[in-house]
Amino acid sequence: MTTAADPARAQRVIAGLSVFVVAAVAVVLFGMPRRIAPPAAGPGLLATVNACLNGGATLALLTGFFFVKRREIERHRASMLTAFALSSVFLLTYLAHHATVGSVTYEGEGASRLVYFAILIPHVILAAGVVPLALLTLRRGLVRDVARHRAIAKVTLPIWLYVSVSGVVLYFMLYF
């Protein structure tokens, strides 16, 4: 009884992983002792690693899209698995970063502050939503459920790209 052969089991695993990820982020951000790190102290190694992982995931997603448009399915698959791996490692380093430094406040004022929060708020909401979407899209691709994979990928890709790109933009807005 494999997950590929049992869609109901796969859905339970995806739901469980999604809840776990959102809960882990919530615990690190809201359940740990409150610390506010000033951005003037610099980004630190993990914040920079996070931005690089997000940038790498963006490149892998765009490469995967390019390959699928050229019907180079194995290259598409490799690119998307790379994006997933980079995003998974990002999650681990994100949790480690925020567990050690806490929240980082944005010190910009005026219009830049509005722009920052206009990017941050959808980034946070979509980051939570992309977890089950990416897992479901990945599963459908791996089991070669092409029609359903293609349908959900049209939703997942732009959300995943927004989350990855906006993560890098927010990094630069915070620290530079």
N, C-alpha and C. Protein backbone atom coordinates (compact mmCIF):
# COMPACT_ATOMS: atom_id res chain seq x y z
N MET A 1 0.85 -1.18 0.00
CA MET A 1 0.00 0.00 0.00
C MET A 1 0.90 1.24 0.00
N THR A 2 1.20 1.76 -1.17
CA THR A 2 2.02 2.96 -1.27
C THR A 2 1.14 4.18 -1.34
N THR A 3 1.75 5.32 -1.06
CA THR A 3 1.01 6.57 -1.13
C THR A 3 0.56 6.86 -2.55
N ALA A 4 1.38 6.49 -3.55
CA ALA A 4 1.03 6.73 -4.95
C ALA A 4 -0.23 5.97 -5.33
N ALA A 5 -0.41 4.78 -4.76
CA ALA A 5 -1.57 3.97 -5.10
C ALA A 5 -2.79 4.30 -4.24
N ASP A 6 -2.60 5.10 -3.22
CA ASP A 6 -3.68 5.41 -2.29
C ASP A 6 -3.85 6.92 -2.18
N PRO A 7 -4.69 7.51 -3.06
CA PRO A 7 -4.86 8.97 -3.04
C PRO A 7 -5.38 9.50 -1.70
N ALA A 8 -6.23 8.76 -1.02
CA ALA A 8 -6.75 9.23 0.26
C ALA A 8 -5.63 9.31 1.29
N ARG A 9 -4.75 8.33 1.28
CA ARG A 9 -3.61 8.37 2.20
C ARG A 9 -2.69 9.52 1.85
N ALA A 10 -2.46 9.74 0.57
CA ALA A 10 -1.61 10.86 0.14
C ALA A 10 -2.20 12.18 0.61
N GLN A 11 -3.50 12.33 0.50
CA GLN A 11 -4.14 13.57 0.95
C GLN A 11 -3.98 13.76 2.45
N ARG A 12 -4.06 12.68 3.21
CA ARG A 12 -3.86 12.79 4.67
C ARG A 12 -2.42 13.18 4.99
N VAL A 13 -1.47 12.61 4.27
CA VAL A 13 -0.06 12.95 4.49
C VAL A 13 0.19 14.42 4.14
N ILE A 14 -0.35 14.86 3.01
CA ILE A 14 -0.19 16.25 2.59
C ILE A 14 -0.83 17.19 3.61
N ALA A 15 -2.02 16.86 4.06
CA ALA A 15 -2.70 17.69 5.07
C ALA A 15 -1.89 17.72 6.36
N GLY A 16 -1.40 16.56 6.79
CA GLY A 16 -0.62 16.50 8.02
C GLY A 16 0.67 17.31 7.93
N LEU A 17 1.38 17.17 6.83
CA LEU A 17 2.62 17.94 6.63
C LEU A 17 2.33 19.44 6.58
N SER A 18 1.25 19.80 5.91
CA SER A 18 0.89 21.22 5.80
C SER A 18 0.58 21.82 7.17
N VAL A 19 -0.20 21.11 7.96
CA VAL A 19 -0.53 21.59 9.31
C VAL A 19 0.74 21.66 10.16
N PHE A 20 1.60 20.65 10.05
CA PHE A 20 2.85 20.63 10.81
C PHE A 20 3.72 21.84 10.47
N VAL A 21 3.88 22.13 9.17
CA VAL A 21 4.72 23.25 8.74
C VAL A 21 4.17 24.57 9.27
N VAL A 22 2.88 24.80 9.09
CA VAL A 22 2.28 26.05 9.55
C VAL A 22 2.39 26.15 11.07
N ALA A 23 2.17 25.05 11.77
CA ALA A 23 2.28 25.06 13.23
C ALA A 23 3.72 25.33 13.67
N ALA A 24 4.69 24.73 13.01
CA ALA A 24 6.10 24.95 13.36
C ALA A 24 6.48 26.41 13.18
N VAL A 25 6.05 27.00 12.08
CA VAL A 25 6.34 28.42 11.85
C VAL A 25 5.66 29.27 12.92
N ALA A 26 4.41 28.97 13.23
CA ALA A 26 3.68 29.73 14.25
C ALA A 26 4.35 29.62 15.62
N VAL A 27 4.80 28.43 15.98
CA VAL A 27 5.47 28.24 17.27
C VAL A 27 6.75 29.06 17.32
N VAL A 28 7.55 29.01 16.24
CA VAL A 28 8.81 29.74 16.23
C VAL A 28 8.57 31.25 16.27
N LEU A 29 7.58 31.72 15.51
CA LEU A 29 7.35 33.17 15.44
C LEU A 29 6.57 33.72 16.64
N PHE A 30 5.63 32.92 17.17
CA PHE A 30 4.75 33.46 18.20
C PHE A 30 4.83 32.75 19.55
N GLY A 31 5.34 31.52 19.57
CA GLY A 31 5.32 30.75 20.81
C GLY A 31 6.61 30.80 21.59
N MET A 32 7.65 31.32 20.99
CA MET A 32 8.94 31.40 21.68
C MET A 32 9.05 32.76 22.35
N PRO A 33 9.98 32.89 23.28
CA PRO A 33 10.17 34.21 23.91
C PRO A 33 10.37 35.29 22.85
N ARG A 34 9.70 36.40 23.02
CA ARG A 34 9.68 37.48 22.03
C ARG A 34 11.01 38.22 22.02
N ARG A 35 11.65 38.21 20.87
CA ARG A 35 12.88 38.96 20.66
C ARG A 35 12.71 39.75 19.37
N ILE A 36 13.15 40.94 19.36
CA ILE A 36 13.10 41.76 18.16
C ILE A 36 14.54 42.08 17.78
N ALA A 37 14.94 41.64 16.60
CA ALA A 37 16.30 41.89 16.13
C ALA A 37 16.29 43.13 15.24
N PRO A 38 17.18 44.07 15.52
CA PRO A 38 17.25 45.25 14.65
C PRO A 38 17.95 44.90 13.34
N PRO A 39 17.40 45.34 12.20
CA PRO A 39 18.04 45.04 10.93
C PRO A 39 19.40 45.70 10.79
N ALA A 40 19.65 46.75 11.57
CA ALA A 40 20.95 47.44 11.50
C ALA A 40 22.10 46.51 11.87
N ALA A 41 21.79 45.47 12.61
CA ALA A 41 22.83 44.51 12.99
C ALA A 41 23.30 43.68 11.79
N GLY A 42 22.62 43.80 10.67
CA GLY A 42 22.98 43.04 9.48
C GLY A 42 22.16 41.77 9.36
N PRO A 43 22.18 41.20 8.17
CA PRO A 43 21.29 40.06 7.94
C PRO A 43 21.70 38.78 8.66
N GLY A 44 22.94 38.57 8.94
CA GLY A 44 23.36 37.32 9.53
C GLY A 44 23.41 36.21 8.49
N LEU A 45 24.11 35.15 8.81
CA LEU A 45 24.34 34.07 7.86
C LEU A 45 23.04 33.38 7.43
N LEU A 46 22.19 33.01 8.40
CA LEU A 46 20.98 32.28 8.04
C LEU A 46 20.01 33.10 7.20
N ALA A 47 19.89 34.38 7.49
CA ALA A 47 19.01 35.23 6.67
C ALA A 47 19.52 35.28 5.24
N THR A 48 20.83 35.36 5.07
CA THR A 48 21.41 35.39 3.73
C THR A 48 21.24 34.04 3.04
N VAL A 49 21.44 32.97 3.77
CA VAL A 49 21.21 31.63 3.21
C VAL A 49 19.75 31.51 2.77
N ASN A 50 18.83 32.01 3.59
CA ASN A 50 17.41 31.95 3.24
C ASN A 50 17.13 32.68 1.93
N ALA A 51 17.69 33.86 1.77
CA ALA A 51 17.49 34.63 0.54
C ALA A 51 18.07 33.88 -0.66
N CYS A 52 19.22 33.28 -0.48
CA CYS A 52 19.85 32.50 -1.57
C CYS A 52 19.01 31.28 -1.92
N LEU A 53 18.47 30.61 -0.93
CA LEU A 53 17.62 29.45 -1.19
C LEU A 53 16.35 29.86 -1.92
N ASN A 54 15.76 30.98 -1.52
CA ASN A 54 14.58 31.49 -2.22
C ASN A 54 14.92 31.86 -3.66
N GLY A 55 16.05 32.51 -3.85
CA GLY A 55 16.48 32.85 -5.20
C GLY A 55 16.73 31.61 -6.04
N GLY A 56 17.36 30.60 -5.44
CA GLY A 56 17.59 29.34 -6.14
C GLY A 56 16.30 28.63 -6.50
N ALA A 57 15.34 28.66 -5.58
CA ALA A 57 14.03 28.05 -5.85
C ALA A 57 13.35 28.77 -7.01
N THR A 58 13.46 30.10 -7.04
CA THR A 58 12.88 30.87 -8.14
C THR A 58 13.48 30.43 -9.47
N LEU A 59 14.80 30.34 -9.51
CA LEU A 59 15.47 29.92 -10.76
C LEU A 59 15.06 28.51 -11.16
N ALA A 60 14.96 27.61 -10.19
CA ALA A 60 14.56 26.23 -10.50
C ALA A 60 13.11 26.18 -11.00
N LEU A 61 12.22 26.98 -10.41
CA LEU A 61 10.83 27.02 -10.86
C LEU A 61 10.74 27.54 -12.29
N LEU A 62 11.45 28.61 -12.58
CA LEU A 62 11.43 29.18 -13.93
C LEU A 62 12.04 28.22 -14.94
N THR A 63 13.11 27.54 -14.54
CA THR A 63 13.74 26.55 -15.42
C THR A 63 12.78 25.39 -15.68
N GLY A 64 12.10 24.93 -14.64
CA GLY A 64 11.13 23.85 -14.80
C GLY A 64 9.99 24.26 -15.73
N PHE A 65 9.53 25.49 -15.61
CA PHE A 65 8.48 25.98 -16.50
C PHE A 65 8.98 26.01 -17.95
N PHE A 66 10.20 26.49 -18.13
CA PHE A 66 10.80 26.52 -19.47
C PHE A 66 10.86 25.10 -20.06
N PHE A 67 11.31 24.14 -19.26
CA PHE A 67 11.43 22.77 -19.77
C PHE A 67 10.08 22.14 -20.08
N VAL A 68 9.07 22.39 -19.27
CA VAL A 68 7.78 21.78 -19.55
C VAL A 68 7.17 22.37 -20.81
N LYS A 69 7.42 23.65 -21.05
CA LYS A 69 6.92 24.26 -22.29
C LYS A 69 7.59 23.65 -23.52
N ARG A 70 8.82 23.17 -23.35
CA ARG A 70 9.54 22.52 -24.45
C ARG A 70 9.30 21.01 -24.45
N ARG A 71 8.41 20.56 -23.57
CA ARG A 71 8.06 19.15 -23.42
C ARG A 71 9.27 18.27 -23.04
N GLU A 72 10.19 18.86 -22.32
CA GLU A 72 11.34 18.12 -21.79
C GLU A 72 10.99 17.71 -20.36
N ILE A 73 10.19 16.67 -20.27
CA ILE A 73 9.54 16.30 -19.01
C ILE A 73 10.54 15.88 -17.93
N GLU A 74 11.56 15.12 -18.30
CA GLU A 74 12.52 14.69 -17.27
C GLU A 74 13.31 15.87 -16.72
N ARG A 75 13.66 16.82 -17.58
CA ARG A 75 14.34 18.03 -17.10
C ARG A 75 13.39 18.88 -16.26
N HIS A 76 12.14 18.94 -16.67
CA HIS A 76 11.12 19.65 -15.89
C HIS A 76 11.03 19.04 -14.50
N ARG A 77 10.95 17.73 -14.47
CA ARG A 77 10.83 17.01 -13.20
C ARG A 77 12.04 17.30 -12.30
N ALA A 78 13.23 17.24 -12.88
CA ALA A 78 14.44 17.50 -12.09
C ALA A 78 14.45 18.93 -11.56
N SER A 79 14.03 19.87 -12.38
CA SER A 79 14.00 21.28 -11.94
C SER A 79 13.00 21.49 -10.82
N MET A 80 11.85 20.88 -10.95
CA MET A 80 10.82 21.07 -9.93
C MET A 80 11.19 20.36 -8.63
N LEU A 81 11.82 19.21 -8.72
CA LEU A 81 12.30 18.54 -7.51
C LEU A 81 13.40 19.37 -6.84
N THR A 82 14.22 20.02 -7.66
CA THR A 82 15.24 20.92 -7.11
C THR A 82 14.58 22.10 -6.40
N ALA A 83 13.57 22.69 -7.02
CA ALA A 83 12.84 23.80 -6.37
C ALA A 83 12.25 23.34 -5.05
N PHE A 84 11.67 22.16 -5.05
CA PHE A 84 11.07 21.63 -3.82
C PHE A 84 12.14 21.40 -2.75
N ALA A 85 13.27 20.84 -3.15
CA ALA A 85 14.36 20.59 -2.19
C ALA A 85 14.88 21.91 -1.62
N LEU A 86 15.09 22.90 -2.49
CA LEU A 86 15.58 24.20 -2.02
C LEU A 86 14.56 24.85 -1.07
N SER A 87 13.29 24.76 -1.40
CA SER A 87 12.26 25.33 -0.54
C SER A 87 12.16 24.59 0.79
N SER A 88 12.39 23.29 0.76
CA SER A 88 12.36 22.50 2.00
C SER A 88 13.54 22.86 2.91
N VAL A 89 14.72 23.00 2.32
CA VAL A 89 15.88 23.42 3.10
C VAL A 89 15.65 24.85 3.61
N PHE A 90 15.07 25.70 2.77
CA PHE A 90 14.72 27.05 3.21
C PHE A 90 13.88 27.00 4.47
N LEU A 91 12.86 26.16 4.48
CA LEU A 91 11.99 26.08 5.65
C LEU A 91 12.79 25.77 6.91
N LEU A 92 13.71 24.83 6.81
CA LEU A 92 14.52 24.47 7.98
C LEU A 92 15.39 25.63 8.43
N THR A 93 16.04 26.31 7.48
CA THR A 93 16.91 27.43 7.86
C THR A 93 16.08 28.63 8.33
N TYR A 94 14.90 28.79 7.78
CA TYR A 94 13.99 29.86 8.23
C TYR A 94 13.62 29.64 9.69
N LEU A 95 13.25 28.41 10.02
CA LEU A 95 12.88 28.10 11.41
C LEU A 95 14.08 28.30 12.34
N ALA A 96 15.26 27.85 11.91
CA ALA A 96 16.47 28.02 12.73
C ALA A 96 16.79 29.51 12.91
N HIS A 97 16.69 30.28 11.83
CA HIS A 97 16.98 31.72 11.90
C HIS A 97 16.05 32.42 12.88
N HIS A 98 14.75 32.20 12.74
CA HIS A 98 13.81 32.90 13.61
C HIS A 98 13.80 32.35 15.03
N ALA A 99 14.21 31.10 15.20
CA ALA A 99 14.33 30.56 16.56
C ALA A 99 15.50 31.21 17.29
N THR A 100 16.52 31.63 16.54
CA THR A 100 17.70 32.21 17.18
C THR A 100 17.66 33.73 17.28
N VAL A 101 17.15 34.42 16.26
CA VAL A 101 17.17 35.89 16.29
C VAL A 101 15.81 36.50 16.54
N GLY A 102 14.75 35.75 16.43
CA GLY A 102 13.42 36.30 16.62
C GLY A 102 12.95 37.06 15.40
N SER A 103 12.04 37.98 15.60
CA SER A 103 11.49 38.78 14.51
C SER A 103 12.44 39.94 14.19
N VAL A 104 12.45 40.32 12.95
CA VAL A 104 13.24 41.47 12.52
C VAL A 104 12.25 42.56 12.11
N THR A 105 12.39 43.72 12.70
CA THR A 105 11.45 44.79 12.40
C THR A 105 11.93 45.61 11.20
N TYR A 106 10.98 46.06 10.42
CA TYR A 106 11.29 46.93 9.29
C TYR A 106 11.35 48.35 9.81
N GLU A 107 12.46 49.04 9.55
CA GLU A 107 12.65 50.38 10.10
C GLU A 107 12.38 51.49 9.10
N GLY A 108 12.00 51.12 7.88
CA GLY A 108 11.69 52.15 6.88
C GLY A 108 10.44 52.92 7.27
N GLU A 109 10.30 54.10 6.66
CA GLU A 109 9.15 54.96 6.98
C GLU A 109 8.46 55.38 5.69
N GLY A 110 7.26 55.93 5.87
CA GLY A 110 6.54 56.50 4.75
C GLY A 110 6.13 55.47 3.71
N ALA A 111 6.32 55.83 2.44
CA ALA A 111 5.89 54.99 1.33
C ALA A 111 6.60 53.64 1.32
N SER A 112 7.89 53.63 1.69
CA SER A 112 8.61 52.35 1.67
C SER A 112 8.03 51.38 2.69
N ARG A 113 7.54 51.90 3.80
CA ARG A 113 6.91 51.04 4.81
C ARG A 113 5.62 50.44 4.27
N LEU A 114 4.85 51.24 3.57
CA LEU A 114 3.62 50.73 2.96
C LEU A 114 3.93 49.66 1.92
N VAL A 115 4.96 49.90 1.10
CA VAL A 115 5.36 48.92 0.09
C VAL A 115 5.81 47.63 0.77
N TYR A 116 6.61 47.76 1.83
CA TYR A 116 7.10 46.59 2.56
C TYR A 116 5.93 45.72 3.04
N PHE A 117 4.96 46.34 3.69
CA PHE A 117 3.84 45.56 4.22
C PHE A 117 2.90 45.08 3.11
N ALA A 118 2.83 45.82 2.01
CA ALA A 118 2.03 45.38 0.86
C ALA A 118 2.63 44.12 0.23
N ILE A 119 3.93 43.95 0.36
CA ILE A 119 4.59 42.73 -0.12
C ILE A 119 4.54 41.65 0.96
N LEU A 120 4.81 42.03 2.20
CA LEU A 120 4.90 41.06 3.31
C LEU A 120 3.58 40.34 3.58
N ILE A 121 2.48 41.06 3.64
CA ILE A 121 1.22 40.43 4.04
C ILE A 121 0.80 39.32 3.07
N PRO A 122 0.75 39.57 1.74
CA PRO A 122 0.43 38.45 0.86
C PRO A 122 1.51 37.36 0.87
N HIS A 123 2.77 37.77 1.09
CA HIS A 123 3.85 36.78 1.16
C HIS A 123 3.57 35.77 2.28
N VAL A 124 3.21 36.26 3.44
CA VAL A 124 2.96 35.39 4.59
C VAL A 124 1.75 34.48 4.33
N ILE A 125 0.67 35.06 3.84
CA ILE A 125 -0.54 34.29 3.59
C ILE A 125 -0.29 33.23 2.51
N LEU A 126 0.34 33.64 1.42
CA LEU A 126 0.59 32.70 0.33
C LEU A 126 1.64 31.65 0.68
N ALA A 127 2.60 32.01 1.55
CA ALA A 127 3.60 31.03 1.98
C ALA A 127 2.94 29.87 2.71
N ALA A 128 1.93 30.16 3.52
CA ALA A 128 1.20 29.09 4.20
C ALA A 128 0.40 28.28 3.19
N GLY A 129 -0.21 28.95 2.24
CA GLY A 129 -1.04 28.26 1.26
C GLY A 129 -0.27 27.45 0.24
N VAL A 130 0.96 27.84 -0.03
CA VAL A 130 1.71 27.14 -1.07
C VAL A 130 2.19 25.76 -0.59
N VAL A 131 2.25 25.55 0.70
CA VAL A 131 2.72 24.25 1.21
C VAL A 131 1.85 23.11 0.70
N PRO A 132 0.54 23.11 0.98
CA PRO A 132 -0.26 21.99 0.46
C PRO A 132 -0.34 21.98 -1.07
N LEU A 133 -0.35 23.17 -1.68
CA LEU A 133 -0.39 23.22 -3.15
C LEU A 133 0.85 22.58 -3.76
N ALA A 134 2.02 22.93 -3.24
CA ALA A 134 3.27 22.37 -3.78
C ALA A 134 3.32 20.86 -3.56
N LEU A 135 2.92 20.42 -2.38
CA LEU A 135 2.94 18.97 -2.10
C LEU A 135 1.98 18.22 -3.03
N LEU A 136 0.78 18.75 -3.21
CA LEU A 136 -0.19 18.11 -4.07
C LEU A 136 0.26 18.12 -5.53
N THR A 137 0.79 19.26 -5.97
CA THR A 137 1.29 19.36 -7.34
C THR A 137 2.43 18.38 -7.57
N LEU A 138 3.35 18.33 -6.62
CA LEU A 138 4.49 17.41 -6.72
C LEU A 138 4.00 15.96 -6.77
N ARG A 139 3.09 15.61 -5.90
CA ARG A 139 2.57 14.23 -5.89
C ARG A 139 1.94 13.87 -7.22
N ARG A 140 1.10 14.75 -7.74
CA ARG A 140 0.43 14.46 -9.01
C ARG A 140 1.43 14.33 -10.15
N GLY A 141 2.48 15.11 -10.11
CA GLY A 141 3.51 14.97 -11.13
C GLY A 141 4.27 13.66 -10.99
N LEU A 142 4.60 13.30 -9.76
CA LEU A 142 5.37 12.08 -9.54
C LEU A 142 4.60 10.82 -9.91
N VAL A 143 3.29 10.83 -9.71
CA VAL A 143 2.49 9.65 -10.08
C VAL A 143 1.97 9.75 -11.51
N ARG A 144 2.40 10.81 -12.20
CA ARG A 144 2.06 11.03 -13.61
C ARG A 144 0.56 11.17 -13.86
N ASP A 145 -0.09 11.84 -12.92
CA ASP A 145 -1.50 12.22 -13.09
C ASP A 145 -1.47 13.56 -13.83
N VAL A 146 -1.14 13.50 -15.12
CA VAL A 146 -0.76 14.69 -15.89
C VAL A 146 -1.87 15.74 -15.96
N ALA A 147 -3.08 15.34 -16.25
CA ALA A 147 -4.16 16.32 -16.40
C ALA A 147 -4.40 17.08 -15.10
N ARG A 148 -4.45 16.37 -13.99
CA ARG A 148 -4.69 17.02 -12.70
C ARG A 148 -3.45 17.78 -12.22
N HIS A 149 -2.27 17.26 -12.56
CA HIS A 149 -1.02 17.96 -12.24
C HIS A 149 -0.98 19.30 -12.96
N ARG A 150 -1.26 19.27 -14.24
CA ARG A 150 -1.23 20.49 -15.05
C ARG A 150 -2.24 21.52 -14.51
N ALA A 151 -3.44 21.06 -14.14
CA ALA A 151 -4.48 21.97 -13.66
C ALA A 151 -4.05 22.67 -12.36
N ILE A 152 -3.50 21.93 -11.42
CA ILE A 152 -3.11 22.56 -10.15
C ILE A 152 -1.80 23.33 -10.29
N ALA A 153 -0.93 22.89 -11.19
CA ALA A 153 0.35 23.59 -11.39
C ALA A 153 0.12 25.02 -11.89
N LYS A 154 -0.95 25.23 -12.63
CA LYS A 154 -1.27 26.57 -13.12
C LYS A 154 -1.61 27.52 -11.97
N VAL A 155 -2.04 26.97 -10.86
CA VAL A 155 -2.31 27.76 -9.67
C VAL A 155 -1.07 27.83 -8.78
N THR A 156 -0.40 26.70 -8.62
CA THR A 156 0.73 26.61 -7.71
C THR A 156 1.92 27.44 -8.17
N LEU A 157 2.26 27.38 -9.44
CA LEU A 157 3.48 28.05 -9.91
C LEU A 157 3.48 29.54 -9.63
N PRO A 158 2.45 30.29 -10.00
CA PRO A 158 2.53 31.73 -9.72
C PRO A 158 2.58 32.06 -8.22
N ILE A 159 1.92 31.26 -7.41
CA ILE A 159 1.96 31.50 -5.96
C ILE A 159 3.34 31.20 -5.43
N TRP A 160 3.90 30.06 -5.83
CA TRP A 160 5.23 29.66 -5.37
C TRP A 160 6.27 30.68 -5.83
N LEU A 161 6.14 31.15 -7.06
CA LEU A 161 7.06 32.18 -7.56
C LEU A 161 6.94 33.47 -6.75
N TYR A 162 5.71 33.88 -6.47
CA TYR A 162 5.54 35.09 -5.67
C TYR A 162 6.21 34.95 -4.32
N VAL A 163 5.99 33.83 -3.66
CA VAL A 163 6.55 33.61 -2.33
C VAL A 163 8.08 33.62 -2.40
N SER A 164 8.65 32.96 -3.38
CA SER A 164 10.11 32.90 -3.50
C SER A 164 10.70 34.27 -3.83
N VAL A 165 10.14 34.94 -4.82
CA VAL A 165 10.67 36.24 -5.24
C VAL A 165 10.46 37.28 -4.13
N SER A 166 9.28 37.31 -3.56
CA SER A 166 9.01 38.31 -2.52
C SER A 166 9.87 38.07 -1.28
N GLY A 167 10.23 36.82 -1.02
CA GLY A 167 11.13 36.55 0.10
C GLY A 167 12.48 37.23 -0.10
N VAL A 168 12.99 37.18 -1.33
CA VAL A 168 14.26 37.85 -1.64
C VAL A 168 14.09 39.37 -1.56
N VAL A 169 12.99 39.88 -2.10
CA VAL A 169 12.74 41.32 -2.06
C VAL A 169 12.64 41.81 -0.61
N LEU A 170 11.94 41.07 0.23
CA LEU A 170 11.81 41.46 1.63
C LEU A 170 13.15 41.45 2.34
N TYR A 171 13.99 40.48 2.03
CA TYR A 171 15.35 40.41 2.59
C TYR A 171 16.10 41.70 2.26
N PHE A 172 16.08 42.09 0.99
CA PHE A 172 16.80 43.31 0.62
C PHE A 172 16.18 44.56 1.24
N MET A 173 14.86 44.58 1.34
CA MET A 173 14.22 45.73 1.97
C MET A 173 14.58 45.84 3.45
N LEU A 174 14.71 44.70 4.12
CA LEU A 174 15.05 44.72 5.54
C LEU A 174 16.49 45.15 5.81
N TYR A 175 17.40 44.66 4.98
CA TYR A 175 18.81 44.79 5.34
C TYR A 175 19.63 45.76 4.49
N PHE A 176 19.09 46.26 3.38
CA PHE A 176 19.94 47.10 2.52
C PHE A 176 19.24 48.37 2.11
